[in-house]
N, C-alpha and C. Protein backbone atom coordinates (compact mmCIF):
# COMPACT_ATOMS: atom_id res chain seq x y z
N MET A 1 0.81 -1.15 -0.06
CA MET A 1 0.02 0.02 0.02
C MET A 1 0.92 1.27 0.06
N ARG A 2 2.04 1.19 0.76
CA ARG A 2 2.86 2.34 0.79
C ARG A 2 3.34 2.68 -0.70
N TYR A 3 3.83 1.69 -1.45
CA TYR A 3 4.42 1.98 -2.81
C TYR A 3 3.26 2.48 -3.71
N ILE A 4 2.02 1.97 -3.47
CA ILE A 4 0.89 2.33 -4.33
C ILE A 4 0.58 3.83 -4.05
N ALA A 5 0.59 4.29 -2.79
CA ALA A 5 0.42 5.57 -2.33
C ALA A 5 1.50 6.51 -3.04
N ARG A 6 2.67 6.15 -3.07
CA ARG A 6 3.78 6.92 -3.61
C ARG A 6 3.64 7.17 -5.02
N TYR A 7 3.21 6.12 -5.74
CA TYR A 7 2.91 6.22 -7.22
C TYR A 7 1.84 7.14 -7.54
N LEU A 8 0.90 7.05 -6.70
CA LEU A 8 -0.24 7.99 -6.80
C LEU A 8 0.03 9.45 -6.71
N VAL A 9 0.88 9.70 -5.70
CA VAL A 9 1.34 11.03 -5.44
C VAL A 9 2.11 11.55 -6.72
N LEU A 10 3.15 10.71 -7.08
CA LEU A 10 3.93 11.13 -8.21
C LEU A 10 3.13 11.33 -9.45
N GLY A 11 2.06 10.56 -9.66
CA GLY A 11 1.16 10.68 -10.78
C GLY A 11 0.48 11.97 -10.68
N CYS A 12 0.03 12.39 -9.49
CA CYS A 12 -0.67 13.59 -9.43
C CYS A 12 0.23 14.74 -9.70
N ILE A 13 1.50 14.69 -9.24
CA ILE A 13 2.32 15.82 -9.49
C ILE A 13 2.69 15.88 -10.95
N ALA A 14 2.85 14.82 -11.68
CA ALA A 14 3.11 14.84 -13.15
C ALA A 14 1.88 15.38 -13.79
N THR A 15 0.76 15.06 -13.40
CA THR A 15 -0.57 15.53 -13.93
C THR A 15 -0.63 17.15 -14.01
N VAL A 16 -0.31 17.60 -12.66
CA VAL A 16 -0.44 19.03 -12.32
C VAL A 16 0.67 19.83 -13.35
N CYS A 17 1.82 19.20 -13.44
CA CYS A 17 3.00 19.87 -14.21
C CYS A 17 2.48 19.90 -15.61
N MET A 18 1.95 18.88 -16.18
CA MET A 18 1.48 18.86 -17.57
C MET A 18 0.35 19.81 -17.74
N SER A 19 -0.52 20.06 -16.74
CA SER A 19 -1.54 21.04 -16.83
C SER A 19 -0.92 22.38 -16.94
N PHE A 20 0.08 22.58 -16.06
CA PHE A 20 0.70 23.90 -16.21
C PHE A 20 1.24 24.21 -17.56
N ILE A 21 2.03 23.30 -18.07
CA ILE A 21 2.63 23.42 -19.33
C ILE A 21 1.56 23.72 -20.37
N ARG A 22 0.48 22.86 -20.45
CA ARG A 22 -0.56 23.03 -21.53
C ARG A 22 -1.30 24.29 -21.48
N HIS A 23 -1.40 24.86 -20.34
CA HIS A 23 -2.13 26.01 -20.20
C HIS A 23 -1.28 27.29 -20.22
N GLY A 24 0.11 27.04 -20.24
CA GLY A 24 1.05 28.27 -20.37
C GLY A 24 1.19 28.94 -19.04
N PHE A 25 0.93 28.19 -17.94
CA PHE A 25 1.23 28.75 -16.61
C PHE A 25 2.73 29.16 -16.36
N LEU A 26 3.52 28.13 -16.82
CA LEU A 26 4.97 28.39 -16.45
C LEU A 26 5.46 29.44 -17.44
N ASN A 27 5.04 29.65 -18.53
CA ASN A 27 5.33 30.86 -19.37
C ASN A 27 4.97 32.14 -18.62
N HIS A 28 3.77 32.21 -18.14
CA HIS A 28 3.29 33.24 -17.35
C HIS A 28 4.08 33.54 -16.09
N ILE A 29 4.59 32.60 -15.52
CA ILE A 29 5.42 32.80 -14.36
C ILE A 29 6.67 33.43 -14.71
N PHE A 30 7.37 33.05 -15.88
CA PHE A 30 8.60 33.51 -16.25
C PHE A 30 8.50 34.91 -16.72
N ASP A 31 7.32 35.20 -17.55
CA ASP A 31 7.10 36.41 -18.04
C ASP A 31 6.78 37.50 -17.02
N SER A 32 6.34 37.12 -15.90
CA SER A 32 5.91 38.01 -14.90
C SER A 32 7.08 38.31 -13.79
N THR A 33 8.09 37.49 -14.03
CA THR A 33 9.29 37.68 -13.03
C THR A 33 10.21 38.71 -13.70
N PRO A 34 10.58 39.80 -12.97
CA PRO A 34 11.39 40.96 -13.59
C PRO A 34 12.70 40.44 -14.19
N SER A 35 13.31 39.60 -13.56
CA SER A 35 14.65 39.20 -13.94
C SER A 35 14.54 38.42 -15.35
N PHE A 36 13.52 37.70 -15.53
CA PHE A 36 13.37 37.04 -16.88
C PHE A 36 12.71 37.97 -17.83
N ALA A 37 11.66 38.76 -17.36
CA ALA A 37 10.86 39.63 -18.31
C ALA A 37 11.85 40.55 -19.00
N SER A 38 12.74 41.10 -18.19
CA SER A 38 13.61 42.21 -18.77
C SER A 38 14.77 41.77 -19.44
N MET A 39 15.13 40.33 -19.49
CA MET A 39 16.33 39.97 -19.98
C MET A 39 16.20 38.57 -20.74
N HIS A 40 16.03 38.67 -22.19
CA HIS A 40 15.79 37.44 -22.79
C HIS A 40 17.19 36.70 -23.32
N LEU A 41 17.32 35.59 -23.74
CA LEU A 41 18.53 34.89 -23.82
C LEU A 41 19.56 35.70 -24.68
N PRO A 42 19.09 36.29 -25.91
CA PRO A 42 20.11 37.09 -26.76
C PRO A 42 20.68 38.33 -25.96
N GLU A 43 19.86 38.88 -24.92
CA GLU A 43 20.42 39.97 -24.15
C GLU A 43 21.29 39.51 -23.17
N LEU A 44 21.08 38.18 -22.69
CA LEU A 44 22.08 37.75 -21.69
C LEU A 44 23.51 37.49 -22.34
N GLY A 45 23.51 37.05 -23.51
CA GLY A 45 24.69 36.93 -24.28
C GLY A 45 25.35 38.38 -24.53
N LYS A 46 24.73 39.34 -24.75
CA LYS A 46 25.24 40.69 -25.05
C LYS A 46 25.80 41.23 -23.55
N THR A 47 25.13 40.85 -22.51
CA THR A 47 25.55 41.36 -21.32
C THR A 47 26.97 40.65 -20.98
N VAL A 48 27.10 39.46 -21.32
CA VAL A 48 28.40 38.70 -20.99
C VAL A 48 29.49 39.32 -21.91
N SER A 49 29.17 39.58 -23.10
CA SER A 49 30.35 39.85 -24.04
C SER A 49 30.57 41.31 -24.05
N ALA A 50 29.82 42.19 -23.84
CA ALA A 50 30.19 43.59 -23.71
C ALA A 50 30.76 43.97 -22.51
N ALA A 51 31.13 45.27 -22.42
CA ALA A 51 31.93 45.81 -21.25
C ALA A 51 30.91 45.87 -20.01
N ILE A 52 31.38 45.41 -18.88
CA ILE A 52 30.57 45.32 -17.71
C ILE A 52 31.24 46.21 -16.63
N THR A 53 30.54 47.18 -16.09
CA THR A 53 31.24 47.99 -15.11
C THR A 53 30.62 47.69 -13.77
N THR A 54 31.39 47.49 -12.73
CA THR A 54 30.99 47.27 -11.43
C THR A 54 31.72 48.13 -10.51
N PRO A 55 31.38 48.13 -9.22
CA PRO A 55 32.02 49.03 -8.29
C PRO A 55 33.58 48.71 -8.19
N ALA A 56 33.89 47.34 -8.52
CA ALA A 56 35.33 47.07 -8.43
C ALA A 56 36.03 47.46 -9.67
N GLY A 57 35.47 47.62 -10.92
CA GLY A 57 36.17 47.98 -12.05
C GLY A 57 35.39 47.64 -13.38
N THR A 58 36.10 47.64 -14.52
CA THR A 58 35.38 47.29 -15.78
C THR A 58 35.97 46.13 -16.50
N PHE A 59 35.23 45.39 -16.96
CA PHE A 59 35.55 44.08 -17.62
C PHE A 59 34.97 43.97 -18.96
N ALA A 60 35.87 43.62 -19.92
CA ALA A 60 35.36 43.68 -21.28
C ALA A 60 35.82 42.53 -22.09
N TYR A 61 35.09 42.21 -23.13
CA TYR A 61 35.51 41.10 -24.16
C TYR A 61 35.30 41.77 -25.35
N SER A 62 36.35 41.63 -26.26
CA SER A 62 36.23 42.21 -27.62
C SER A 62 36.03 40.96 -28.65
N PRO A 63 35.35 41.13 -29.78
CA PRO A 63 35.09 42.39 -30.35
C PRO A 63 33.73 43.07 -29.89
N ASP A 64 32.94 42.42 -29.05
CA ASP A 64 31.70 43.13 -28.73
C ASP A 64 31.91 44.44 -28.04
N ALA A 65 32.83 44.34 -27.24
CA ALA A 65 33.23 45.68 -26.40
C ALA A 65 34.55 46.11 -27.03
N ASN A 66 34.74 47.54 -27.01
CA ASN A 66 35.97 48.23 -27.48
C ASN A 66 36.90 48.33 -26.33
N ILE A 67 37.93 47.42 -26.34
CA ILE A 67 38.95 47.50 -25.27
C ILE A 67 39.81 48.69 -25.37
N GLU A 68 40.06 49.14 -26.57
CA GLU A 68 40.90 50.34 -26.76
C GLU A 68 40.34 51.50 -25.98
N ARG A 69 38.94 51.61 -26.10
CA ARG A 69 38.24 52.63 -25.43
C ARG A 69 38.33 52.53 -23.79
N LEU A 70 38.21 51.48 -23.42
CA LEU A 70 38.50 51.03 -22.01
C LEU A 70 39.82 51.40 -21.46
N ASP A 71 40.87 51.06 -22.29
CA ASP A 71 42.32 51.45 -21.81
C ASP A 71 42.47 52.93 -21.97
N VAL A 72 42.01 53.75 -22.99
CA VAL A 72 42.30 55.04 -23.08
C VAL A 72 41.61 55.77 -21.98
N GLU A 73 40.24 55.43 -21.58
CA GLU A 73 39.61 56.23 -20.66
C GLU A 73 40.37 55.95 -19.23
N ALA A 74 40.82 54.77 -19.03
CA ALA A 74 41.58 54.45 -17.89
C ALA A 74 42.81 55.34 -17.75
N LEU A 75 43.55 55.35 -18.83
CA LEU A 75 44.85 56.04 -18.84
C LEU A 75 44.55 57.54 -18.76
N ASN A 76 43.57 58.07 -19.31
CA ASN A 76 43.24 59.53 -19.15
C ASN A 76 42.86 60.01 -17.83
N SER A 77 42.38 59.05 -16.96
CA SER A 77 41.99 59.31 -15.63
C SER A 77 43.09 59.02 -14.48
N THR A 78 44.38 58.78 -15.07
CA THR A 78 45.50 58.72 -14.10
C THR A 78 45.83 60.08 -13.63
N ALA A 79 46.03 60.10 -12.36
CA ALA A 79 46.37 61.39 -11.76
C ALA A 79 47.74 61.92 -12.18
N ALA A 80 47.95 63.12 -12.30
CA ALA A 80 49.25 63.77 -12.53
C ALA A 80 50.34 63.43 -11.69
N ASN A 81 50.05 63.15 -10.46
CA ASN A 81 51.36 62.83 -9.62
C ASN A 81 51.50 61.33 -9.41
N ALA A 82 50.81 60.55 -10.27
CA ALA A 82 50.92 58.97 -10.18
C ALA A 82 51.94 58.50 -11.18
N HIS A 83 51.89 57.17 -11.28
CA HIS A 83 52.94 56.58 -12.22
C HIS A 83 52.25 55.59 -12.98
N LEU A 84 52.83 55.04 -14.10
CA LEU A 84 52.21 54.04 -14.89
C LEU A 84 53.42 53.09 -15.10
N ASP A 85 53.28 51.85 -14.64
CA ASP A 85 54.10 50.71 -15.09
C ASP A 85 53.38 49.78 -16.08
N ILE A 86 54.08 49.71 -17.33
CA ILE A 86 53.19 49.10 -18.42
C ILE A 86 54.19 47.91 -18.86
N ALA A 87 53.71 46.73 -18.91
CA ALA A 87 54.26 45.67 -19.57
C ALA A 87 53.42 45.04 -20.70
N MET A 88 53.79 45.34 -21.94
CA MET A 88 52.97 45.25 -23.15
C MET A 88 53.80 44.49 -24.23
N TYR A 89 53.24 43.21 -24.56
CA TYR A 89 53.87 42.48 -25.52
C TYR A 89 53.88 43.18 -26.82
N ALA A 90 52.63 43.56 -27.38
CA ALA A 90 52.46 44.28 -28.60
C ALA A 90 52.03 45.72 -28.32
N PHE A 91 52.60 46.74 -28.98
CA PHE A 91 52.19 47.95 -28.84
C PHE A 91 52.32 48.79 -30.13
N THR A 92 51.27 48.61 -30.91
CA THR A 92 51.37 49.38 -32.10
C THR A 92 50.04 50.32 -32.42
N ASP A 93 49.20 50.50 -31.21
CA ASP A 93 48.06 51.28 -31.32
C ASP A 93 48.29 52.79 -31.21
N HIS A 94 48.13 53.53 -32.26
CA HIS A 94 48.50 54.98 -32.22
C HIS A 94 47.55 55.71 -31.17
N ILE A 95 46.36 55.42 -31.04
CA ILE A 95 45.59 56.08 -30.10
C ILE A 95 46.07 55.97 -28.65
N LEU A 96 46.48 54.64 -28.36
CA LEU A 96 46.98 54.36 -26.99
C LEU A 96 48.37 55.03 -26.80
N ALA A 97 49.12 55.15 -27.80
CA ALA A 97 50.42 55.86 -27.67
C ALA A 97 50.25 57.28 -27.49
N ASP A 98 49.20 57.84 -28.02
CA ASP A 98 48.72 59.26 -27.74
C ASP A 98 48.29 59.36 -26.36
N ALA A 99 47.52 58.32 -25.81
CA ALA A 99 46.99 58.54 -24.39
C ALA A 99 48.27 58.33 -23.44
N VAL A 100 49.14 57.51 -23.75
CA VAL A 100 50.27 57.57 -22.87
C VAL A 100 51.20 58.80 -22.87
N ALA A 101 51.36 59.28 -24.05
CA ALA A 101 52.10 60.50 -24.15
C ALA A 101 51.34 61.61 -23.35
N ASP A 102 50.08 61.70 -23.53
CA ASP A 102 49.28 62.81 -22.78
C ASP A 102 49.46 62.69 -21.23
N ALA A 103 49.44 61.30 -20.82
CA ALA A 103 49.64 61.20 -19.33
C ALA A 103 51.05 61.50 -18.95
N ALA A 104 51.99 61.31 -19.70
CA ALA A 104 53.37 61.72 -19.50
C ALA A 104 53.51 63.27 -19.39
N GLU A 105 52.79 63.98 -20.31
CA GLU A 105 52.84 65.48 -20.40
C GLU A 105 52.09 66.00 -19.15
N ARG A 106 51.19 65.26 -18.54
CA ARG A 106 50.54 65.78 -17.26
C ARG A 106 51.37 65.52 -16.07
N GLY A 107 52.51 64.82 -16.27
CA GLY A 107 53.34 64.71 -15.13
C GLY A 107 53.57 63.15 -14.63
N VAL A 108 52.77 62.38 -15.34
CA VAL A 108 52.79 60.95 -14.84
C VAL A 108 54.14 60.27 -15.27
N LYS A 109 54.73 59.60 -14.36
CA LYS A 109 55.97 58.92 -14.70
C LYS A 109 55.72 57.51 -15.23
N VAL A 110 56.05 57.33 -16.48
CA VAL A 110 55.74 56.09 -17.24
C VAL A 110 56.95 55.37 -17.56
N ARG A 111 56.89 54.00 -17.24
CA ARG A 111 57.88 53.06 -17.34
C ARG A 111 57.21 51.95 -18.24
N ILE A 112 57.82 51.69 -19.38
CA ILE A 112 57.29 50.59 -20.41
C ILE A 112 58.26 49.43 -20.57
N TYR A 113 57.72 48.37 -20.35
CA TYR A 113 58.75 47.10 -20.61
C TYR A 113 58.19 46.31 -21.67
N ARG A 114 59.12 45.90 -22.60
CA ARG A 114 58.66 45.34 -23.90
C ARG A 114 59.43 43.96 -24.17
N ASP A 115 58.90 43.17 -25.14
CA ASP A 115 59.46 41.99 -25.63
C ASP A 115 60.42 42.48 -26.63
N ALA A 116 61.61 41.71 -26.74
CA ALA A 116 62.63 42.09 -27.73
C ALA A 116 62.39 41.89 -29.15
N GLN A 117 61.78 40.73 -29.50
CA GLN A 117 61.42 40.32 -30.79
C GLN A 117 60.36 41.36 -31.30
N GLN A 118 59.35 41.41 -30.52
CA GLN A 118 58.19 42.21 -30.89
C GLN A 118 58.48 43.66 -31.07
N TYR A 119 59.34 44.34 -30.17
CA TYR A 119 59.69 45.65 -30.26
C TYR A 119 60.55 45.79 -31.46
N GLU A 120 61.32 44.83 -31.87
CA GLU A 120 62.23 45.18 -33.04
C GLU A 120 61.39 44.96 -34.26
N GLN A 121 60.37 44.15 -34.35
CA GLN A 121 59.48 44.09 -35.51
C GLN A 121 58.65 45.30 -35.65
N GLU A 122 58.17 45.77 -34.47
CA GLU A 122 57.25 47.00 -34.63
C GLU A 122 58.07 48.23 -35.12
N SER A 123 59.29 48.32 -34.47
CA SER A 123 60.15 49.55 -34.85
C SER A 123 60.47 49.64 -36.30
N GLY A 124 60.62 48.43 -37.02
CA GLY A 124 60.74 48.53 -38.48
C GLY A 124 59.58 48.59 -39.31
N ARG A 125 58.41 48.21 -38.82
CA ARG A 125 57.10 48.22 -39.52
C ARG A 125 56.31 49.44 -39.44
N ASP A 126 56.27 50.05 -38.19
CA ASP A 126 55.52 51.19 -37.88
C ASP A 126 56.04 52.01 -36.75
N PRO A 127 56.91 52.94 -37.04
CA PRO A 127 57.71 53.74 -35.91
C PRO A 127 56.82 54.81 -35.22
N TYR A 128 55.57 54.77 -35.48
CA TYR A 128 54.80 55.95 -34.85
C TYR A 128 54.79 55.80 -33.33
N VAL A 129 54.74 54.71 -32.80
CA VAL A 129 54.64 54.63 -31.21
C VAL A 129 55.99 55.00 -30.66
N ALA A 130 57.08 54.55 -31.33
CA ALA A 130 58.43 54.75 -30.85
C ALA A 130 58.72 56.36 -30.95
N ARG A 131 58.32 56.96 -32.12
CA ARG A 131 58.56 58.52 -32.25
C ARG A 131 57.71 59.27 -31.22
N LYS A 132 56.43 58.80 -31.09
CA LYS A 132 55.49 59.52 -30.08
C LYS A 132 56.11 59.53 -28.79
N LEU A 133 56.57 58.41 -28.18
CA LEU A 133 56.96 58.22 -26.87
C LEU A 133 58.40 58.83 -26.68
N ALA A 134 59.28 58.80 -27.76
CA ALA A 134 60.64 59.32 -27.50
C ALA A 134 60.66 60.82 -27.36
N ALA A 135 59.55 61.51 -27.63
CA ALA A 135 59.53 63.02 -27.36
C ALA A 135 59.08 63.30 -26.00
N GLU A 136 58.79 62.34 -25.21
CA GLU A 136 58.37 62.46 -23.71
C GLU A 136 59.45 62.30 -22.71
N GLN A 137 59.73 63.24 -21.95
CA GLN A 137 60.94 63.10 -20.86
C GLN A 137 60.38 62.20 -19.75
N ASN A 138 59.04 62.16 -19.61
CA ASN A 138 58.50 61.30 -18.37
C ASN A 138 58.33 59.93 -18.88
N VAL A 139 58.85 59.35 -19.99
CA VAL A 139 58.63 58.05 -20.42
C VAL A 139 59.97 57.34 -20.47
N SER A 140 60.04 56.23 -19.82
CA SER A 140 61.25 55.41 -19.92
C SER A 140 60.92 54.05 -20.43
N ILE A 141 61.75 53.52 -21.33
CA ILE A 141 61.46 52.10 -21.93
C ILE A 141 62.68 51.25 -21.90
N ARG A 142 62.41 50.09 -21.46
CA ARG A 142 63.51 49.07 -21.53
C ARG A 142 62.89 47.76 -22.18
N VAL A 143 63.76 47.08 -22.81
CA VAL A 143 63.36 45.83 -23.54
C VAL A 143 64.10 44.61 -22.95
N LYS A 144 63.30 43.49 -22.89
CA LYS A 144 63.87 42.35 -22.40
C LYS A 144 64.93 41.77 -23.43
N HIS A 145 66.00 41.46 -23.02
CA HIS A 145 67.21 40.94 -23.94
C HIS A 145 67.22 39.47 -23.82
N SER A 146 66.19 38.76 -24.53
CA SER A 146 66.08 37.37 -24.36
C SER A 146 65.16 36.95 -25.49
N SER A 147 65.37 35.65 -25.95
CA SER A 147 64.49 35.14 -27.04
C SER A 147 63.17 34.62 -26.27
N ASP A 148 63.14 34.30 -24.97
CA ASP A 148 61.96 34.16 -24.22
C ASP A 148 61.09 35.25 -24.13
N LEU A 149 59.90 35.00 -24.49
CA LEU A 149 58.89 36.09 -24.70
C LEU A 149 58.63 36.76 -23.29
N MET A 150 58.45 38.12 -23.37
CA MET A 150 57.84 38.98 -22.31
C MET A 150 56.39 39.01 -22.93
N HIS A 151 55.58 38.19 -22.37
CA HIS A 151 54.13 38.11 -22.98
C HIS A 151 53.10 38.83 -22.16
N LEU A 152 53.34 39.58 -21.22
CA LEU A 152 52.30 40.24 -20.33
C LEU A 152 51.72 41.41 -21.16
N LYS A 153 50.43 41.49 -20.69
CA LYS A 153 49.69 42.68 -21.31
C LYS A 153 49.04 43.48 -20.10
N GLU A 154 49.72 43.98 -19.29
CA GLU A 154 49.26 44.69 -18.00
C GLU A 154 49.96 45.98 -17.76
N TRP A 155 49.16 46.68 -16.90
CA TRP A 155 49.75 47.89 -16.41
C TRP A 155 49.18 48.24 -15.12
N SER A 156 49.80 49.13 -14.25
CA SER A 156 49.19 49.56 -13.01
C SER A 156 49.75 51.01 -12.78
N ASP A 157 48.88 51.73 -11.96
CA ASP A 157 49.18 52.94 -11.49
C ASP A 157 49.46 53.00 -10.00
N GLY A 158 49.52 51.79 -9.43
CA GLY A 158 49.75 51.73 -8.00
C GLY A 158 48.38 51.24 -7.21
N SER A 159 47.31 51.61 -7.74
CA SER A 159 46.02 51.26 -7.05
C SER A 159 45.17 50.48 -8.10
N ARG A 160 45.20 50.76 -9.32
CA ARG A 160 44.40 50.21 -10.43
C ARG A 160 45.33 49.16 -11.11
N PHE A 161 44.72 48.11 -11.68
CA PHE A 161 45.41 46.99 -12.33
C PHE A 161 44.72 46.67 -13.61
N ARG A 162 45.41 46.61 -14.72
CA ARG A 162 44.82 46.24 -16.01
C ARG A 162 45.50 44.87 -16.28
N GLU A 163 44.68 43.86 -16.60
CA GLU A 163 45.12 42.59 -17.08
C GLU A 163 44.31 42.16 -18.11
N GLY A 164 44.60 41.05 -18.90
CA GLY A 164 43.79 40.52 -19.91
C GLY A 164 44.73 39.93 -21.01
N SER A 165 44.08 39.49 -22.02
CA SER A 165 44.77 38.84 -23.28
C SER A 165 45.02 39.90 -24.42
N ALA A 166 44.45 41.04 -24.32
CA ALA A 166 44.41 42.06 -25.41
C ALA A 166 45.72 42.83 -25.39
N ASN A 167 46.59 42.64 -26.56
CA ASN A 167 47.60 43.53 -26.82
C ASN A 167 47.12 44.88 -27.16
N TRP A 168 48.07 45.83 -27.12
CA TRP A 168 47.79 47.22 -27.50
C TRP A 168 48.00 47.29 -29.00
N SER A 169 47.20 46.71 -29.69
CA SER A 169 47.20 46.83 -31.14
C SER A 169 45.75 47.11 -31.52
N PRO A 170 45.53 47.75 -32.72
CA PRO A 170 43.98 47.90 -33.08
C PRO A 170 43.23 46.65 -33.18
N SER A 171 43.83 45.78 -33.84
CA SER A 171 43.12 44.29 -33.98
C SER A 171 43.01 43.68 -32.64
N GLY A 172 43.93 43.75 -31.86
CA GLY A 172 43.83 43.08 -30.47
C GLY A 172 42.80 43.68 -29.54
N GLU A 173 42.65 45.00 -29.63
CA GLU A 173 41.78 45.63 -28.87
C GLU A 173 40.29 45.71 -29.38
N LYS A 174 40.12 45.60 -30.63
CA LYS A 174 38.86 45.84 -31.30
C LYS A 174 38.30 44.74 -32.08
N ARG A 175 39.15 43.85 -32.63
CA ARG A 175 38.63 42.87 -33.59
C ARG A 175 38.73 41.44 -33.19
N GLN A 176 39.89 41.09 -32.41
CA GLN A 176 40.14 39.75 -32.05
C GLN A 176 39.22 39.40 -30.83
N ASP A 177 39.21 38.09 -30.53
CA ASP A 177 38.53 37.55 -29.37
C ASP A 177 39.53 37.77 -28.21
N ASN A 178 39.32 38.82 -27.45
CA ASN A 178 40.16 39.11 -26.38
C ASN A 178 39.55 39.46 -25.10
N SER A 179 40.34 39.70 -24.08
CA SER A 179 39.73 40.22 -22.82
C SER A 179 40.54 41.18 -22.22
N ALA A 180 40.03 42.09 -21.24
CA ALA A 180 40.62 43.03 -20.47
C ALA A 180 39.84 43.47 -19.32
N ALA A 181 40.59 43.73 -18.25
CA ALA A 181 39.78 44.35 -17.01
C ALA A 181 40.71 45.32 -16.37
N VAL A 182 40.03 46.44 -16.02
CA VAL A 182 40.77 47.42 -15.33
C VAL A 182 40.00 47.58 -14.02
N PHE A 183 40.65 47.25 -12.85
CA PHE A 183 39.92 47.25 -11.55
C PHE A 183 40.77 47.79 -10.44
N THR A 184 40.26 48.32 -9.38
CA THR A 184 40.93 48.91 -8.23
C THR A 184 41.17 47.78 -7.29
N ASN A 185 42.31 47.51 -7.14
CA ASN A 185 42.72 46.47 -6.06
C ASN A 185 44.33 46.69 -5.81
N LYS A 186 44.63 47.33 -4.69
CA LYS A 186 45.97 47.65 -4.40
C LYS A 186 46.78 46.37 -4.24
N GLN A 187 46.33 45.37 -3.68
CA GLN A 187 47.11 43.99 -3.49
C GLN A 187 47.48 43.47 -4.87
N ALA A 188 46.51 43.51 -5.85
CA ALA A 188 46.87 42.95 -7.20
C ALA A 188 47.82 43.88 -7.96
N ALA A 189 47.69 45.25 -7.79
CA ALA A 189 48.55 46.26 -8.36
C ALA A 189 49.97 46.00 -7.84
N GLN A 190 50.07 45.90 -6.63
CA GLN A 190 51.48 45.74 -6.00
C GLN A 190 52.03 44.47 -6.35
N ALA A 191 51.41 43.33 -6.45
CA ALA A 191 51.92 42.13 -6.91
C ALA A 191 52.45 42.28 -8.32
N PHE A 192 51.75 42.91 -9.16
CA PHE A 192 52.28 43.20 -10.57
C PHE A 192 53.46 44.04 -10.49
N GLU A 193 53.47 45.05 -9.69
CA GLU A 193 54.58 45.98 -9.73
C GLU A 193 55.72 45.39 -9.10
N ARG A 194 55.76 44.40 -8.30
CA ARG A 194 56.85 43.60 -7.81
C ARG A 194 57.42 42.82 -8.96
N LYS A 195 56.62 42.22 -9.71
CA LYS A 195 57.01 41.54 -10.87
C LYS A 195 57.62 42.45 -11.90
N PHE A 196 57.00 43.50 -12.03
CA PHE A 196 57.43 44.56 -13.00
C PHE A 196 58.85 45.15 -12.72
N GLN A 197 59.04 45.31 -11.37
CA GLN A 197 60.43 45.82 -10.97
C GLN A 197 61.51 44.76 -11.20
N ASP A 198 61.17 43.51 -10.93
CA ASP A 198 62.22 42.52 -11.18
C ASP A 198 62.52 42.39 -12.63
N MET A 199 61.50 42.60 -13.56
CA MET A 199 61.91 42.54 -15.00
C MET A 199 62.71 43.78 -15.22
N TRP A 200 62.31 44.90 -14.75
CA TRP A 200 62.90 46.28 -15.05
C TRP A 200 64.42 46.20 -14.53
N ASP A 201 64.77 45.57 -13.47
CA ASP A 201 66.05 45.51 -12.96
C ASP A 201 66.90 44.45 -13.59
N ARG A 202 66.55 43.74 -14.52
CA ARG A 202 67.35 42.80 -15.14
C ARG A 202 68.62 43.38 -15.69
N PRO A 203 69.78 42.87 -15.42
CA PRO A 203 71.06 43.54 -15.76
C PRO A 203 71.25 43.62 -17.26
N ASN A 204 70.67 42.71 -18.02
CA ASN A 204 70.96 42.66 -19.45
C ASN A 204 69.83 43.34 -20.40
N ASN A 205 68.97 44.09 -19.64
CA ASN A 205 68.01 44.69 -20.50
C ASN A 205 68.61 45.78 -21.35
N ILE A 206 67.78 46.02 -22.52
CA ILE A 206 68.23 46.99 -23.60
C ILE A 206 67.46 48.32 -23.16
N LEU A 207 68.41 49.24 -22.89
CA LEU A 207 67.73 50.58 -22.49
C LEU A 207 67.52 51.43 -23.70
N VAL A 208 66.19 51.61 -23.84
CA VAL A 208 65.82 52.41 -25.08
C VAL A 208 65.71 53.98 -24.80
N GLN A 209 65.12 54.26 -23.76
CA GLN A 209 64.94 55.70 -23.29
C GLN A 209 64.77 55.90 -21.84
């Protein structure tokens, strides 16, 4: 009798559920719930793929979001008495070079650490970035003297930290599938800056400016 009663209960539950589905009651529940009524599945996809701003920082995935704009806005908000430590594998984006130069002209002390092979290729292919930064007294550049890649794409001003897969190139920031995040976290910023200082102090670095 106990098993028969259990089957009867399960059968009643199944019957009720089928009735809900048949009469559209479940659709009504989802439609009347704000979190579902205001966000359909395509919109969920857009929310994940575009830039998301939170109290901690901004997170973005290209090409849906323009990571170049994210980097430029963050660089433009760097205080004049701050510093920028930048480790960037590829750096060919003219707009970002202008933003770094503008920061240097405001008094920001900028240090840039580069990969040797990438820096050499870029200097021969498009010298705009090198020329733009060479004119700035507050910009120092060192290049890793090794065939082992310096593959970081990060920067910090001491309190904010930028990380991700996006290089500072127009394609890397706007067309490729990449990520970037700029967030305020002193512990993360300081951890990167300790790594940056170790790279910067390598005795065989190439001193560019």
